[in-house]
């Protein structure tokens, strides 16, 4: 399925808007990652374990959004956006959302 952050698809027209679709995941950090991140913050640099965790979370959220769009019979999801929010201390939600559409 085509996903796009734009409101249109070059060379295609939106024939029907099927509605808002979303996919989310909630992830928590663990003690091992926290210790490593704490040490890394002393010397600076990328926190690779957190980068990997967030990359995986984005992929899961997009997959769930696409699954929702597929169930509506969509050809594409346009205006895709991401947002995050803290759920509890040490846990965050990553949400992907967009507009499911049929294209011509």
PDB file of N, CA and C in Angstrom:
ATOM      1  N   UNK A   1       0.845  -1.179   0.000  1.00  0.00           N
ATOM      2  CA  UNK A   1       0.000   0.000   0.000  1.00  0.00           C
ATOM      3  C   UNK A   1       0.886   1.237   0.000  1.00  0.00           C
ATOM      4  N   UNK A   2       0.466   2.210  -0.754  1.00  0.00           N
ATOM      5  CA  UNK A   2       1.168   3.479  -0.836  1.00  0.00           C
ATOM      6  C   UNK A   2       0.862   4.312   0.410  1.00  0.00           C
ATOM      7  N   UNK A   3       1.902   4.843   1.022  1.00  0.00           N
ATOM      8  CA  UNK A   3       1.726   5.802   2.115  1.00  0.00           C
ATOM      9  C   UNK A   3       2.511   7.052   1.760  1.00  0.00           C
ATOM     10  N   UNK A   4       1.937   8.204   2.093  1.00  0.00           N
ATOM     11  CA  UNK A   4       2.563   9.459   1.718  1.00  0.00           C
ATOM     12  C   UNK A   4       2.298  10.529   2.769  1.00  0.00           C
ATOM     13  N   UNK A   5       3.282  11.376   2.984  1.00  0.00           N
ATOM     14  CA  UNK A   5       3.090  12.506   3.891  1.00  0.00           C
ATOM     15  C   UNK A   5       2.442  13.685   3.181  1.00  0.00           C
ATOM     16  N   UNK A   6       2.264  13.576   1.873  1.00  0.00           N
ATOM     17  CA  UNK A   6       1.632  14.651   1.111  1.00  0.00           C
ATOM     18  C   UNK A   6       0.123  14.427   1.035  1.00  0.00           C
ATOM     19  N   UNK A   7      -0.601  15.449   0.582  1.00  0.00           N
ATOM     20  CA  UNK A   7      -2.060  15.326   0.501  1.00  0.00           C
ATOM     21  C   UNK A   7      -2.543  14.843  -0.860  1.00  0.00           C
ATOM     22  N   UNK A   8      -1.606  14.458  -1.712  1.00  0.00           N
ATOM     23  CA  UNK A   8      -1.977  13.928  -3.021  1.00  0.00           C
ATOM     24  C   UNK A   8      -0.895  12.964  -3.477  1.00  0.00           C
ATOM     25  N   UNK A   9      -1.206  12.233  -4.546  1.00  0.00           N
ATOM     26  CA  UNK A   9      -0.257  11.300  -5.138  1.00  0.00           C
ATOM     27  C   UNK A   9      -0.045  11.745  -6.582  1.00  0.00           C
ATOM     28  N   UNK A  10       1.169  12.113  -6.951  1.00  0.00           N
ATOM     29  CA  UNK A  10       1.420  12.588  -8.316  1.00  0.00           C
ATOM     30  C   UNK A  10       0.935  11.584  -9.359  1.00  0.00           C
ATOM     31  N   UNK A  11       0.184  12.093 -10.331  1.00  0.00           N
ATOM     32  CA  UNK A  11      -0.330  11.247 -11.409  1.00  0.00           C
ATOM     33  C   UNK A  11      -1.589  10.482 -11.065  1.00  0.00           C
ATOM     34  N   UNK A  12      -2.073  10.608  -9.845  1.00  0.00           N
ATOM     35  CA  UNK A  12      -3.289   9.907  -9.411  1.00  0.00           C
ATOM     36  C   UNK A  12      -4.243  10.920  -8.801  1.00  0.00           C
ATOM     37  N   UNK A  13      -5.512  10.583  -8.804  1.00  0.00           N
ATOM     38  CA  UNK A  13      -6.526  11.436  -8.174  1.00  0.00           C
ATOM     39  C   UNK A  13      -7.203  10.667  -7.054  1.00  0.00           C
ATOM     40  N   UNK A  14      -7.602  11.396  -6.022  1.00  0.00           N
ATOM     41  CA  UNK A  14      -8.353  10.788  -4.930  1.00  0.00           C
ATOM     42  C   UNK A  14      -9.802  10.648  -5.391  1.00  0.00           C
ATOM     43  N   UNK A  15     -10.258   9.404  -5.500  1.00  0.00           N
ATOM     44  CA  UNK A  15     -11.624   9.135  -5.921  1.00  0.00           C
ATOM     45  C   UNK A  15     -12.584   9.129  -4.743  1.00  0.00           C
ATOM     46  N   UNK A  16     -12.089   8.682  -3.587  1.00  0.00           N
ATOM     47  CA  UNK A  16     -12.951   8.575  -2.415  1.00  0.00           C
ATOM     48  C   UNK A  16     -12.097   8.637  -1.153  1.00  0.00           C
ATOM     49  N   UNK A  17     -12.568   9.396  -0.189  1.00  0.00           N
ATOM     50  CA  UNK A  17     -11.919   9.466   1.111  1.00  0.00           C
ATOM     51  C   UNK A  17     -12.644   8.484   2.030  1.00  0.00           C
ATOM     52  N   UNK A  18     -11.903   7.518   2.552  1.00  0.00           N
ATOM     53  CA  UNK A  18     -12.502   6.472   3.377  1.00  0.00           C
ATOM     54  C   UNK A  18     -12.451   6.780   4.865  1.00  0.00           C
ATOM     55  N   UNK A  19     -11.610   7.719   5.244  1.00  0.00           N
ATOM     56  CA  UNK A  19     -11.582   8.139   6.637  1.00  0.00           C
ATOM     57  C   UNK A  19     -10.211   8.061   7.274  1.00  0.00           C
ATOM     58  N   UNK A  20     -10.190   8.453   8.529  1.00  0.00           N
ATOM     59  CA  UNK A  20      -8.976   8.467   9.329  1.00  0.00           C
ATOM     60  C   UNK A  20      -8.584   7.038   9.691  1.00  0.00           C
ATOM     61  N   UNK A  21      -7.297   6.732   9.554  1.00  0.00           N
ATOM     62  CA  UNK A  21      -6.770   5.447   9.998  1.00  0.00           C
ATOM     63  C   UNK A  21      -5.593   5.701  10.919  1.00  0.00           C
ATOM     64  N   UNK A  22      -5.433   4.820  11.898  1.00  0.00           N
ATOM     65  CA  UNK A  22      -4.380   4.982  12.894  1.00  0.00           C
ATOM     66  C   UNK A  22      -3.733   3.645  13.202  1.00  0.00           C
ATOM     67  N   UNK A  23      -2.529   3.721  13.681  1.00  0.00           N
ATOM     68  CA  UNK A  23      -1.836   2.562  14.217  1.00  0.00           C
ATOM     69  C   UNK A  23      -0.942   3.048  15.332  1.00  0.00           C
ATOM     70  N   UNK A  24      -0.890   2.303  16.428  1.00  0.00           N
ATOM     71  CA  UNK A  24      -0.058   2.752  17.530  1.00  0.00           C
ATOM     72  C   UNK A  24       0.651   1.586  18.200  1.00  0.00           C
ATOM     73  N   UNK A  25       1.619   1.927  18.998  1.00  0.00           N
ATOM     74  CA  UNK A  25       2.325   0.978  19.846  1.00  0.00           C
ATOM     75  C   UNK A  25       2.829   1.729  21.057  1.00  0.00           C
ATOM     76  N   UNK A  26       2.860   1.037  22.175  1.00  0.00           N
ATOM     77  CA  UNK A  26       3.393   1.618  23.406  1.00  0.00           C
ATOM     78  C   UNK A  26       4.645   0.834  23.761  1.00  0.00           C
ATOM     79  N   UNK A  27       5.727   1.526  23.969  1.00  0.00           N
ATOM     80  CA  UNK A  27       7.014   0.904  24.272  1.00  0.00           C
ATOM     81  C   UNK A  27       7.538   1.429  25.597  1.00  0.00           C
ATOM     82  N   UNK A  28       8.242   0.562  26.291  1.00  0.00           N
ATOM     83  CA  UNK A  28       8.894   0.987  27.533  1.00  0.00           C
ATOM     84  C   UNK A  28      10.374   0.655  27.461  1.00  0.00           C
ATOM     85  N   UNK A  29      11.129   1.439  28.122  1.00  0.00           N
ATOM     86  CA  UNK A  29      12.565   1.185  28.185  1.00  0.00           C
ATOM     87  C   UNK A  29      12.837   0.181  29.298  1.00  0.00           C
ATOM     88  N   UNK A  30      14.016  -0.450  29.255  1.00  0.00           N
ATOM     89  CA  UNK A  30      14.348  -1.387  30.318  1.00  0.00           C
ATOM     90  C   UNK A  30      15.598  -0.927  31.054  1.00  0.00           C
ATOM     91  N   UNK A  31      15.865  -1.556  32.160  1.00  0.00           N
ATOM     92  CA  UNK A  31      16.975  -1.144  33.021  1.00  0.00           C
ATOM     93  C   UNK A  31      18.305  -1.175  32.270  1.00  0.00           C
ATOM     94  N   UNK A  32      18.522  -2.213  31.478  1.00  0.00           N
ATOM     95  CA  UNK A  32      19.775  -2.306  30.726  1.00  0.00           C
ATOM     96  C   UNK A  32      19.974  -1.136  29.789  1.00  0.00           C
ATOM     97  N   UNK A  33      18.913  -0.765  29.071  1.00  0.00           N
ATOM     98  CA  UNK A  33      19.004   0.380  28.159  1.00  0.00           C
ATOM     99  C   UNK A  33      19.197   1.678  28.934  1.00  0.00           C
ATOM    100  N   UNK A  34      18.533   1.792  30.087  1.00  0.00           N
ATOM    101  CA  UNK A  34      18.677   3.002  30.898  1.00  0.00           C
ATOM    102  C   UNK A  34      20.099   3.174  31.401  1.00  0.00           C
ATOM    103  N   UNK A  35      20.707   2.089  31.850  1.00  0.00           N
ATOM    104  CA  UNK A  35      22.086   2.169  32.351  1.00  0.00           C
ATOM    105  C   UNK A  35      23.028   2.573  31.218  1.00  0.00           C
ATOM    106  N   UNK A  36      22.874   1.914  30.072  1.00  0.00           N
ATOM    107  CA  UNK A  36      23.716   2.248  28.918  1.00  0.00           C
ATOM    108  C   UNK A  36      23.512   3.682  28.462  1.00  0.00           C
ATOM    109  N   UNK A  37      22.252   4.126  28.447  1.00  0.00           N
ATOM    110  CA  UNK A  37      21.960   5.500  28.036  1.00  0.00           C
ATOM    111  C   UNK A  37      22.536   6.505  29.028  1.00  0.00           C
ATOM    112  N   UNK A  38      22.457   6.174  30.311  1.00  0.00           N
ATOM    113  CA  UNK A  38      23.014   7.060  31.334  1.00  0.00           C
ATOM    114  C   UNK A  38      24.510   7.223  31.167  1.00  0.00           C
ATOM    115  N   UNK A  39      25.189   6.122  30.896  1.00  0.00           N
ATOM    116  CA  UNK A  39      26.640   6.196  30.687  1.00  0.00           C
ATOM    117  C   UNK A  39      26.968   6.967  29.411  1.00  0.00           C
ATOM    118  N   UNK A  40      26.195   6.721  28.361  1.00  0.00           N
ATOM    119  CA  UNK A  40      26.439   7.401  27.092  1.00  0.00           C
ATOM    120  C   UNK A  40      26.201   8.901  27.227  1.00  0.00           C
ATOM    121  N   UNK A  41      25.236   9.298  28.057  1.00  0.00           N
ATOM    122  CA  UNK A  41      24.944  10.729  28.198  1.00  0.00           C
ATOM    123  C   UNK A  41      26.103  11.472  28.853  1.00  0.00           C
ATOM    124  N   UNK A  42      26.948  10.762  29.562  1.00  0.00           N
ATOM    125  CA  UNK A  42      28.116  11.400  30.185  1.00  0.00           C
ATOM    126  C   UNK A  42      29.114  11.832  29.115  1.00  0.00           C
ATOM    127  N   UNK A  43      29.337  10.967  28.118  1.00  0.00           N
ATOM    128  CA  UNK A  43      30.329  11.266  27.080  1.00  0.00           C
ATOM    129  C   UNK A  43      29.702  11.831  25.809  1.00  0.00           C
ATOM    130  N   UNK A  44      28.399  11.726  25.679  1.00  0.00           N
ATOM    131  CA  UNK A  44      27.707  12.242  24.498  1.00  0.00           C
ATOM    132  C   UNK A  44      27.643  11.224  23.386  1.00  0.00           C
ATOM    133  N   UNK A  45      26.801  11.475  22.413  1.00  0.00           N
ATOM    134  CA  UNK A  45      26.668  10.607  21.258  1.00  0.00           C
ATOM    135  C   UNK A  45      25.284  10.006  21.151  1.00  0.00           C
ATOM    136  N   UNK A  46      25.106   9.239  20.106  1.00  0.00           N
ATOM    137  CA  UNK A  46      23.810   8.616  19.819  1.00  0.00           C
ATOM    138  C   UNK A  46      23.518   7.487  20.795  1.00  0.00           C
ATOM    139  N   UNK A  47      22.280   7.417  21.236  1.00  0.00           N
ATOM    140  CA  UNK A  47      21.816   6.317  22.082  1.00  0.00           C
ATOM    141  C   UNK A  47      21.217   5.260  21.150  1.00  0.00           C
ATOM    142  N   UNK A  48      22.073   4.392  20.631  1.00  0.00           N
ATOM    143  CA  UNK A  48      21.684   3.469  19.567  1.00  0.00           C
ATOM    144  C   UNK A  48      20.572   2.519  19.976  1.00  0.00           C
ATOM    145  N   UNK A  49      20.536   2.104  21.235  1.00  0.00           N
ATOM    146  CA  UNK A  49      19.466   1.188  21.654  1.00  0.00           C
ATOM    147  C   UNK A  49      18.111   1.885  21.602  1.00  0.00           C
ATOM    148  N   UNK A  50      18.077   3.173  21.948  1.00  0.00           N
ATOM    149  CA  UNK A  50      16.823   3.922  21.864  1.00  0.00           C
ATOM    150  C   UNK A  50      16.454   4.214  20.411  1.00  0.00           C
ATOM    151  N   UNK A  51      17.445   4.508  19.584  1.00  0.00           N
ATOM    152  CA  UNK A  51      17.185   4.725  18.164  1.00  0.00           C
ATOM    153  C   UNK A  51      16.551   3.481  17.552  1.00  0.00           C
ATOM    154  N   UNK A  52      17.116   2.326  17.861  1.00  0.00           N
ATOM    155  CA  UNK A  52      16.575   1.067  17.340  1.00  0.00           C
ATOM    156  C   UNK A  52      15.158   0.825  17.855  1.00  0.00           C
ATOM    157  N   UNK A  53      14.920   1.106  19.128  1.00  0.00           N
ATOM    158  CA  UNK A  53      13.595   0.904  19.707  1.00  0.00           C
ATOM    159  C   UNK A  53      12.557   1.806  19.026  1.00  0.00           C
ATOM    160  N   UNK A  54      12.915   3.056  18.786  1.00  0.00           N
ATOM    161  CA  UNK A  54      11.971   3.978  18.150  1.00  0.00           C
ATOM    162  C   UNK A  54      11.751   3.641  16.680  1.00  0.00           C
ATOM    163  N   UNK A  55      12.792   3.178  15.999  1.00  0.00           N
ATOM    164  CA  UNK A  55      12.637   2.754  14.608  1.00  0.00           C
ATOM    165  C   UNK A  55      11.659   1.589  14.525  1.00  0.00           C
ATOM    166  N   UNK A  56      11.825   0.623  15.406  1.00  0.00           N
ATOM    167  CA  UNK A  56      10.910  -0.523  15.450  1.00  0.00           C
ATOM    168  C   UNK A  56       9.485  -0.078  15.784  1.00  0.00           C
ATOM    169  N   UNK A  57       9.345   0.855  16.705  1.00  0.00           N
ATOM    170  CA  UNK A  57       8.022   1.359  17.086  1.00  0.00           C
ATOM    171  C   UNK A  57       7.345   2.056  15.912  1.00  0.00           C
ATOM    172  N   UNK A  58       8.094   2.873  15.163  1.00  0.00           N
ATOM    173  CA  UNK A  58       7.512   3.543  13.987  1.00  0.00           C
ATOM    174  C   UNK A  58       7.054   2.518  12.958  1.00  0.00           C
ATOM    175  N   UNK A  59       7.878   1.509  12.703  1.00  0.00           N
ATOM    176  CA  UNK A  59       7.519   0.479  11.720  1.00  0.00           C
ATOM    177  C   UNK A  59       6.253  -0.265  12.145  1.00  0.00           C
ATOM    178  N   UNK A  60       6.142  -0.589  13.429  1.00  0.00           N
ATOM    179  CA  UNK A  60       4.956  -1.286  13.932  1.00  0.00           C
ATOM    180  C   UNK A  60       3.715  -0.407  13.827  1.00  0.00           C
ATOM    181  N   UNK A  61       3.841   0.865  14.181  1.00  0.00           N
ATOM    182  CA  UNK A  61       2.701   1.780  14.106  1.00  0.00           C
ATOM    183  C   UNK A  61       2.230   1.945  12.659  1.00  0.00           C
ATOM    184  N   UNK A  62       3.165   2.081  11.718  1.00  0.00           N
ATOM    185  CA  UNK A  62       2.794   2.204  10.301  1.00  0.00           C
ATOM    186  C   UNK A  62       2.124   0.915   9.819  1.00  0.00           C
ATOM    187  N   UNK A  63       2.658  -0.230  10.188  1.00  0.00           N
ATOM    188  CA  UNK A  63       2.059  -1.508   9.773  1.00  0.00           C
ATOM    189  C   UNK A  63       0.624  -1.617  10.278  1.00  0.00           C
ATOM    190  N   UNK A  64       0.373  -1.199  11.494  1.00  0.00           N
ATOM    191  CA  UNK A  64      -0.987  -1.243  12.045  1.00  0.00           C
ATOM    192  C   UNK A  64      -1.903  -0.243  11.355  1.00  0.00           C
ATOM    193  N   UNK A  65      -1.365   0.928  10.994  1.00  0.00           N
ATOM    194  CA  UNK A  65      -2.161   1.916  10.260  1.00  0.00           C
ATOM    195  C   UNK A  65      -2.534   1.365   8.886  1.00  0.00           C
ATOM    196  N   UNK A  66      -1.569   0.766   8.197  1.00  0.00           N
ATOM    197  CA  UNK A  66      -1.817   0.183   6.874  1.00  0.00           C
ATOM    198  C   UNK A  66      -2.833  -0.953   6.969  1.00  0.00           C
ATOM    199  N   UNK A  67      -2.739  -1.758   8.014  1.00  0.00           N
ATOM    200  CA  UNK A  67      -3.716  -2.834   8.224  1.00  0.00           C
ATOM    201  C   UNK A  67      -5.129  -2.266   8.352  1.00  0.00           C
ATOM    202  N   UNK A  68      -5.255  -1.168   9.079  1.00  0.00           N
ATOM    203  CA  UNK A  68      -6.553  -0.510   9.238  1.00  0.00           C
ATOM    204  C   UNK A  68      -7.060   0.014   7.896  1.00  0.00           C
ATOM    205  N   UNK A  69      -6.170   0.613   7.106  1.00  0.00           N
ATOM    206  CA  UNK A  69      -6.561   1.136   5.788  1.00  0.00           C
ATOM    207  C   UNK A  69      -6.952   0.002   4.851  1.00  0.00           C
ATOM    208  N   UNK A  70      -6.225  -1.080   4.904  1.00  0.00           N
ATOM    209  CA  UNK A  70      -6.536  -2.238   4.058  1.00  0.00           C
ATOM    210  C   UNK A  70      -7.918  -2.778   4.375  1.00  0.00           C
ATOM    211  N   UNK A  71      -8.271  -2.807   5.643  1.00  0.00           N
ATOM    212  CA  UNK A  71      -9.594  -3.316   6.030  1.00  0.00           C
ATOM    213  C   UNK A  71     -10.724  -2.435   5.507  1.00  0.00           C
ATOM    214  N   UNK A  72     -10.413  -1.175   5.185  1.00  0.00           N
ATOM    215  CA  UNK A  72     -11.416  -0.269   4.600  1.00  0.00           C
ATOM    216  C   UNK A  72     -11.435  -0.352   3.070  1.00  0.00           C
ATOM    217  N   UNK A  73     -10.492  -1.088   2.494  1.00  0.00           N
ATOM    218  CA  UNK A  73     -10.402  -1.183   1.038  1.00  0.00           C
ATOM    219  C   UNK A  73      -9.619  -0.051   0.402  1.00  0.00           C
ATOM    220  N   UNK A  74      -8.761   0.590   1.154  1.00  0.00           N
ATOM    221  CA  UNK A  74      -7.997   1.736   0.649  1.00  0.00           C
ATOM    222  C   UNK A  74      -6.888   1.302  -0.293  1.00  0.00           C
ATOM    223  N   UNK A  75      -6.536   2.206  -1.202  1.00  0.00           N
ATOM    224  CA  UNK A  75      -5.381   2.037  -2.081  1.00  0.00           C
ATOM    225  C   UNK A  75      -4.146   2.720  -1.506  1.00  0.00           C
ATOM    226  N   UNK A  76      -4.391   3.735  -0.668  1.00  0.00           N
ATOM    227  CA  UNK A  76      -3.290   4.544  -0.148  1.00  0.00           C
ATOM    228  C   UNK A  76      -3.703   5.212   1.151  1.00  0.00           C
ATOM    229  N   UNK A  77      -2.690   5.655   1.893  1.00  0.00           N
ATOM    230  CA  UNK A  77      -2.902   6.512   3.059  1.00  0.00           C
ATOM    231  C   UNK A  77      -2.095   7.772   2.810  1.00  0.00           C
ATOM    232  N   UNK A  78      -2.787   8.900   2.783  1.00  0.00           N
ATOM    233  CA  UNK A  78      -2.132  10.178   2.541  1.00  0.00           C
ATOM    234  C   UNK A  78      -2.122  11.006   3.827  1.00  0.00           C
ATOM    235  N   UNK A  79      -1.338  12.071   3.805  1.00  0.00           N
ATOM    236  CA  UNK A  79      -1.200  12.956   4.974  1.00  0.00           C
ATOM    237  C   UNK A  79      -0.743  12.188   6.212  1.00  0.00           C
ATOM    238  N   UNK A  80       0.168  11.249   6.033  1.00  0.00           N
ATOM    239  CA  UNK A  80       0.647  10.448   7.159  1.00  0.00           C
ATOM    240  C   UNK A  80       1.453  11.319   8.115  1.00  0.00           C
ATOM    241  N   UNK A  81       1.165  11.161   9.390  1.00  0.00           N
ATOM    242  CA  UNK A  81       1.848  11.907  10.438  1.00  0.00           C
ATOM    243  C   UNK A  81       2.180  10.957  11.589  1.00  0.00           C
ATOM    244  N   UNK A  82       3.134  11.380  12.415  1.00  0.00           N
ATOM    245  CA  UNK A  82       3.521  10.636  13.617  1.00  0.00           C
ATOM    246  C   UNK A  82       3.412  11.556  14.811  1.00  0.00           C
ATOM    247  N   UNK A  83       3.068  10.980  15.939  1.00  0.00           N
ATOM    248  CA  UNK A  83       3.078  11.718  17.192  1.00  0.00           C
ATOM    249  C   UNK A  83       3.461  10.766  18.311  1.00  0.00           C
ATOM    250  N   UNK A  84       4.007  11.322  19.364  1.00  0.00           N
ATOM    251  CA  UNK A  84       4.352  10.521  20.537  1.00  0.00           C
ATOM    252  C   UNK A  84       3.766  11.173  21.773  1.00  0.00           C
ATOM    253  N   UNK A  85       3.550  10.358  22.787  1.00  0.00           N
ATOM    254  CA  UNK A  85       3.096  10.883  24.071  1.00  0.00           C
ATOM    255  C   UNK A  85       3.564   9.964  25.179  1.00  0.00           C
ATOM    256  N   UNK A  86       3.837  10.553  26.321  1.00  0.00           N
ATOM    257  CA  UNK A  86       4.231   9.768  27.493  1.00  0.00           C
ATOM    258  C   UNK A  86       2.981   9.137  28.085  1.00  0.00           C
ATOM    259  N   UNK A  87       3.058   7.849  28.375  1.00  0.00           N
ATOM    260  CA  UNK A  87       1.927   7.142  28.978  1.00  0.00           C
ATOM    261  C   UNK A  87       2.127   7.072  30.491  1.00  0.00           C
ATOM    262  N   UNK A  88       3.279   6.591  30.902  1.00  0.00           N
ATOM    263  CA  UNK A  88       3.675   6.550  32.308  1.00  0.00           C
ATOM    264  C   UNK A  88       5.169   6.837  32.350  1.00  0.00           C
ATOM    265  N   UNK A  89       5.720   6.877  33.524  1.00  0.00           N
ATOM    266  CA  UNK A  89       7.167   7.032  33.666  1.00  0.00           C
ATOM    267  C   UNK A  89       7.852   5.860  32.973  1.00  0.00           C
ATOM    268  N   UNK A  90       8.631   6.148  31.943  1.00  0.00           N
ATOM    269  CA  UNK A  90       9.370   5.092  31.260  1.00  0.00           C
ATOM    270  C   UNK A  90       8.633   4.417  30.113  1.00  0.00           C
ATOM    271  N   UNK A  91       7.426   4.870  29.762  1.00  0.00           N
ATOM    272  CA  UNK A  91       6.698   4.273  28.638  1.00  0.00           C
ATOM    273  C   UNK A  91       6.099   5.376  27.767  1.00  0.00           C
ATOM    274  N   UNK A  92       6.150   5.156  26.462  1.00  0.00           N
ATOM    275  CA  UNK A  92       5.629   6.160  25.528  1.00  0.00           C
ATOM    276  C   UNK A  92       4.856   5.483  24.401  1.00  0.00           C
ATOM    277  N   UNK A  93       3.881   6.197  23.886  1.00  0.00           N
ATOM    278  CA  UNK A  93       3.109   5.734  22.738  1.00  0.00           C
ATOM    279  C   UNK A  93       3.631   6.416  21.492  1.00  0.00           C
ATOM    280  N   UNK A  94       3.727   5.661  20.414  1.00  0.00           N
ATOM    281  CA  UNK A  94       4.008   6.228  19.106  1.00  0.00           C
ATOM    282  C   UNK A  94       2.779   5.948  18.247  1.00  0.00           C
ATOM    283  N   UNK A  95       2.212   6.990  17.663  1.00  0.00           N
ATOM    284  CA  UNK A  95       0.994   6.890  16.873  1.00  0.00           C
ATOM    285  C   UNK A  95       1.284   7.358  15.452  1.00  0.00           C
ATOM    286  N   UNK A  96       0.879   6.534  14.477  1.00  0.00           N
ATOM    287  CA  UNK A  96       0.923   6.924  13.064  1.00  0.00           C
ATOM    288  C   UNK A  96      -0.525   7.076  12.622  1.00  0.00           C
ATOM    289  N   UNK A  97      -0.817   8.157  11.887  1.00  0.00           N
ATOM    290  CA  UNK A  97      -2.189   8.357  11.416  1.00  0.00           C
ATOM    291  C   UNK A  97      -2.183   9.051  10.072  1.00  0.00           C
ATOM    292  N   UNK A  98      -3.269   8.860   9.347  1.00  0.00           N
ATOM    293  CA  UNK A  98      -3.401   9.470   8.044  1.00  0.00           C
ATOM    294  C   UNK A  98      -4.815   9.279   7.512  1.00  0.00           C
ATOM    295  N   UNK A  99      -5.006   9.632   6.254  1.00  0.00           N
ATOM    296  CA  UNK A  99      -6.305   9.534   5.606  1.00  0.00           C
ATOM    297  C   UNK A  99      -6.282   8.400   4.599  1.00  0.00           C
ATOM    298  N   UNK A 100      -7.164   7.431   4.793  1.00  0.00           N
ATOM    299  CA  UNK A 100      -7.286   6.307   3.858  1.00  0.00           C
ATOM    300  C   UNK A 100      -8.086   6.767   2.652  1.00  0.00           C
ATOM    301  N   UNK A 101      -7.581   6.471   1.454  1.00  0.00           N
ATOM    302  CA  UNK A 101      -8.251   6.913   0.219  1.00  0.00           C
ATOM    303  C   UNK A 101      -8.252   5.822  -0.834  1.00  0.00           C
ATOM    304  N   UNK A 102      -9.201   5.952  -1.754  1.00  0.00           N
ATOM    305  CA  UNK A 102      -9.222   5.171  -2.998  1.00  0.00           C
ATOM    306  C   UNK A 102      -8.709   6.105  -4.072  1.00  0.00           C
ATOM    307  N   UNK A 103      -7.830   5.582  -4.933  1.00  0.00           N
ATOM    308  CA  UNK A 103      -7.241   6.390  -6.000  1.00  0.00           C
ATOM    309  C   UNK A 103      -7.783   5.956  -7.358  1.00  0.00           C
ATOM    310  N   UNK A 104      -7.727   6.899  -8.314  1.00  0.00           N
ATOM    311  CA  UNK A 104      -8.046   6.558  -9.705  1.00  0.00           C
ATOM    312  C   UNK A 104      -6.799   6.701 -10.533  1.00  0.00           C
TER     313      UNK A 104
END
